[in-house]
C-alpha atoms as a PDB file:
ATOM      1  CA  MET A   1     131.102 103.132  86.076  1.00  0.00           C
ATOM      2  CA  ALA A   2     129.116 105.679  88.054  1.00  0.00           C
ATOM      3  CA  PHE A   3     125.846 106.936  86.677  1.00  0.00           C
ATOM      4  CA  SER A   4     124.398 110.244  87.710  1.00  0.00           C
ATOM      5  CA  CYS A   5     121.105 111.623  86.550  1.00  0.00           C
ATOM      6  CA  HIS A   6     119.674 115.023  87.411  1.00  0.00           C
ATOM      7  CA  PHE A   7     116.148 115.824  86.379  1.00  0.00           C
ATOM      8  CA  LYS A   8     114.696 119.301  86.494  1.00  0.00           C
ATOM      9  CA  VAL A   9     111.181 118.291  87.495  1.00  0.00           C
ATOM     10  CA  LYS A  10     108.614 121.057  87.863  1.00  0.00           C
ATOM     11  CA  PHE A  11     105.290 120.725  89.633  1.00  0.00           C
ATOM     12  CA  LEU A  12     102.746 123.102  88.113  1.00  0.00           C
ATOM     13  CA  LEU A  13      99.642 123.634  90.211  1.00  0.00           C
ATOM     14  CA  TYR A  14      96.396 124.598  88.508  1.00  0.00           C
ATOM     15  CA  THR A  15      93.364 125.325  90.684  1.00  0.00           C
ATOM     16  CA  ARG A  16      90.036 127.071  90.242  1.00  0.00           C
ATOM     17  CA  ALA A  17      91.754 130.212  91.530  1.00  0.00           C
ATOM     18  CA  ASN A  18      94.514 130.005  88.909  1.00  0.00           C
ATOM     19  CA  SER A  19      93.246 127.885  86.026  1.00  0.00           C
ATOM     20  CA  LEU A  20      95.076 129.913  83.349  1.00  0.00           C
ATOM     21  CA  SER A  21      98.442 130.423  84.992  1.00  0.00           C
ATOM     22  CA  PRO A  22      99.956 127.630  87.091  1.00  0.00           C
ATOM     23  CA  GLU A  23     101.866 128.076  90.311  1.00  0.00           C
ATOM     24  CA  ILE A  24     105.213 126.317  90.531  1.00  0.00           C
ATOM     25  CA  VAL A  25     105.256 124.246  93.705  1.00  0.00           C
ATOM     26  CA  THR A  26     108.404 122.743  95.196  1.00  0.00           C
ATOM     27  CA  ASN A  27     108.864 120.042  97.803  1.00  0.00           C
ATOM     28  CA  LYS A  28     109.289 122.669 100.511  1.00  0.00           C
ATOM     29  CA  ASN A  29     106.439 123.061 103.016  1.00  0.00           C
ATOM     30  CA  LEU A  30     106.408 126.842 102.693  1.00  0.00           C
ATOM     31  CA  SER A  31     105.950 126.559  98.930  1.00  0.00           C
ATOM     32  CA  ILE A  32     102.897 124.335  99.332  1.00  0.00           C
ATOM     33  CA  GLN A  33     101.442 126.396 102.174  1.00  0.00           C
ATOM     34  CA  ALA A  34     101.799 129.615 100.157  1.00  0.00           C
ATOM     35  CA  SER A  35     100.076 128.066  97.128  1.00  0.00           C
ATOM     36  CA  ASN A  36      96.397 127.541  96.306  1.00  0.00           C
ATOM     37  CA  PHE A  37      96.744 123.813  97.125  1.00  0.00           C
ATOM     38  CA  SER A  38      94.149 122.367  99.481  1.00  0.00           C
ATOM     39  CA  SER A  39      94.408 118.828 100.802  1.00  0.00           C
ATOM     40  CA  THR A  40      90.629 118.759 101.270  1.00  0.00           C
ATOM     41  CA  ARG A  41      90.005 119.008  97.518  1.00  0.00           C
ATOM     42  CA  LYS A  42      90.459 116.313  94.898  1.00  0.00           C
ATOM     43  CA  THR A  43      93.945 116.260  93.400  1.00  0.00           C
ATOM     44  CA  LYS A  44      94.713 115.045  89.874  1.00  0.00           C
ATOM     45  CA  PHE A  45      98.129 114.689  88.271  1.00  0.00           C
ATOM     46  CA  ILE A  46      98.929 115.140  84.597  1.00  0.00           C
ATOM     47  CA  ILE A  47     102.061 113.170  83.832  1.00  0.00           C
ATOM     48  CA  HIS A  48     103.439 113.859  80.387  1.00  0.00           C
ATOM     49  CA  GLY A  49     106.426 112.855  78.311  1.00  0.00           C
ATOM     50  CA  TYR A  50     110.003 112.898  79.448  1.00  0.00           C
ATOM     51  CA  THR A  51     111.123 115.640  77.069  1.00  0.00           C
ATOM     52  CA  ASP A  52     107.769 117.314  76.569  1.00  0.00           C
ATOM     53  CA  LYS A  53     107.478 120.981  77.413  1.00  0.00           C
ATOM     54  CA  HIS A  54     104.625 122.761  79.142  1.00  0.00           C
ATOM     55  CA  GLY A  55     102.384 123.941  76.345  1.00  0.00           C
ATOM     56  CA  PRO A  56      98.864 125.143  75.550  1.00  0.00           C
ATOM     57  CA  TRP A  57      97.552 121.560  75.565  1.00  0.00           C
ATOM     58  CA  MET A  58      98.354 121.273  79.275  1.00  0.00           C
ATOM     59  CA  ILE A  59      96.404 124.410  80.162  1.00  0.00           C
ATOM     60  CA  LYS A  60      93.409 123.093  78.202  1.00  0.00           C
ATOM     61  CA  MET A  61      93.632 119.704  79.900  1.00  0.00           C
ATOM     62  CA  ALA A  62      93.923 121.247  83.371  1.00  0.00           C
ATOM     63  CA  GLN A  63      90.920 123.488  82.701  1.00  0.00           C
ATOM     64  CA  ALA A  64      88.894 120.518  81.433  1.00  0.00           C
ATOM     65  CA  ILE A  65      89.696 118.526  84.583  1.00  0.00           C
ATOM     66  CA  ILE A  66      88.821 121.490  86.830  1.00  0.00           C
ATOM     67  CA  GLU A  67      85.493 121.980  85.020  1.00  0.00           C
ATOM     68  CA  ARG A  68      84.687 118.271  85.166  1.00  0.00           C
ATOM     69  CA  VAL A  69      85.396 118.000  88.899  1.00  0.00           C
ATOM     70  CA  LYS A  70      83.498 121.234  89.587  1.00  0.00           C
ATOM     71  CA  SER A  71      80.358 119.878  87.895  1.00  0.00           C
ATOM     72  CA  GLN A  72      80.343 116.600  89.842  1.00  0.00           C
END
């Protein structure tokens, strides 16, 4: 029996420049280069539930992480 699984994973990028509205980044180089991502800055990942949707809690968490890192 063959098993096929297709996930629709989205990478939402929050930065100081866009802390309220995330950019959607793909695995394509042009997508990353056109975004606010900087490899010289600290990068944190928020990994949430399998069926969980992007909601207000994620924006609050991203903003809290950005503020925390900014004050260090």
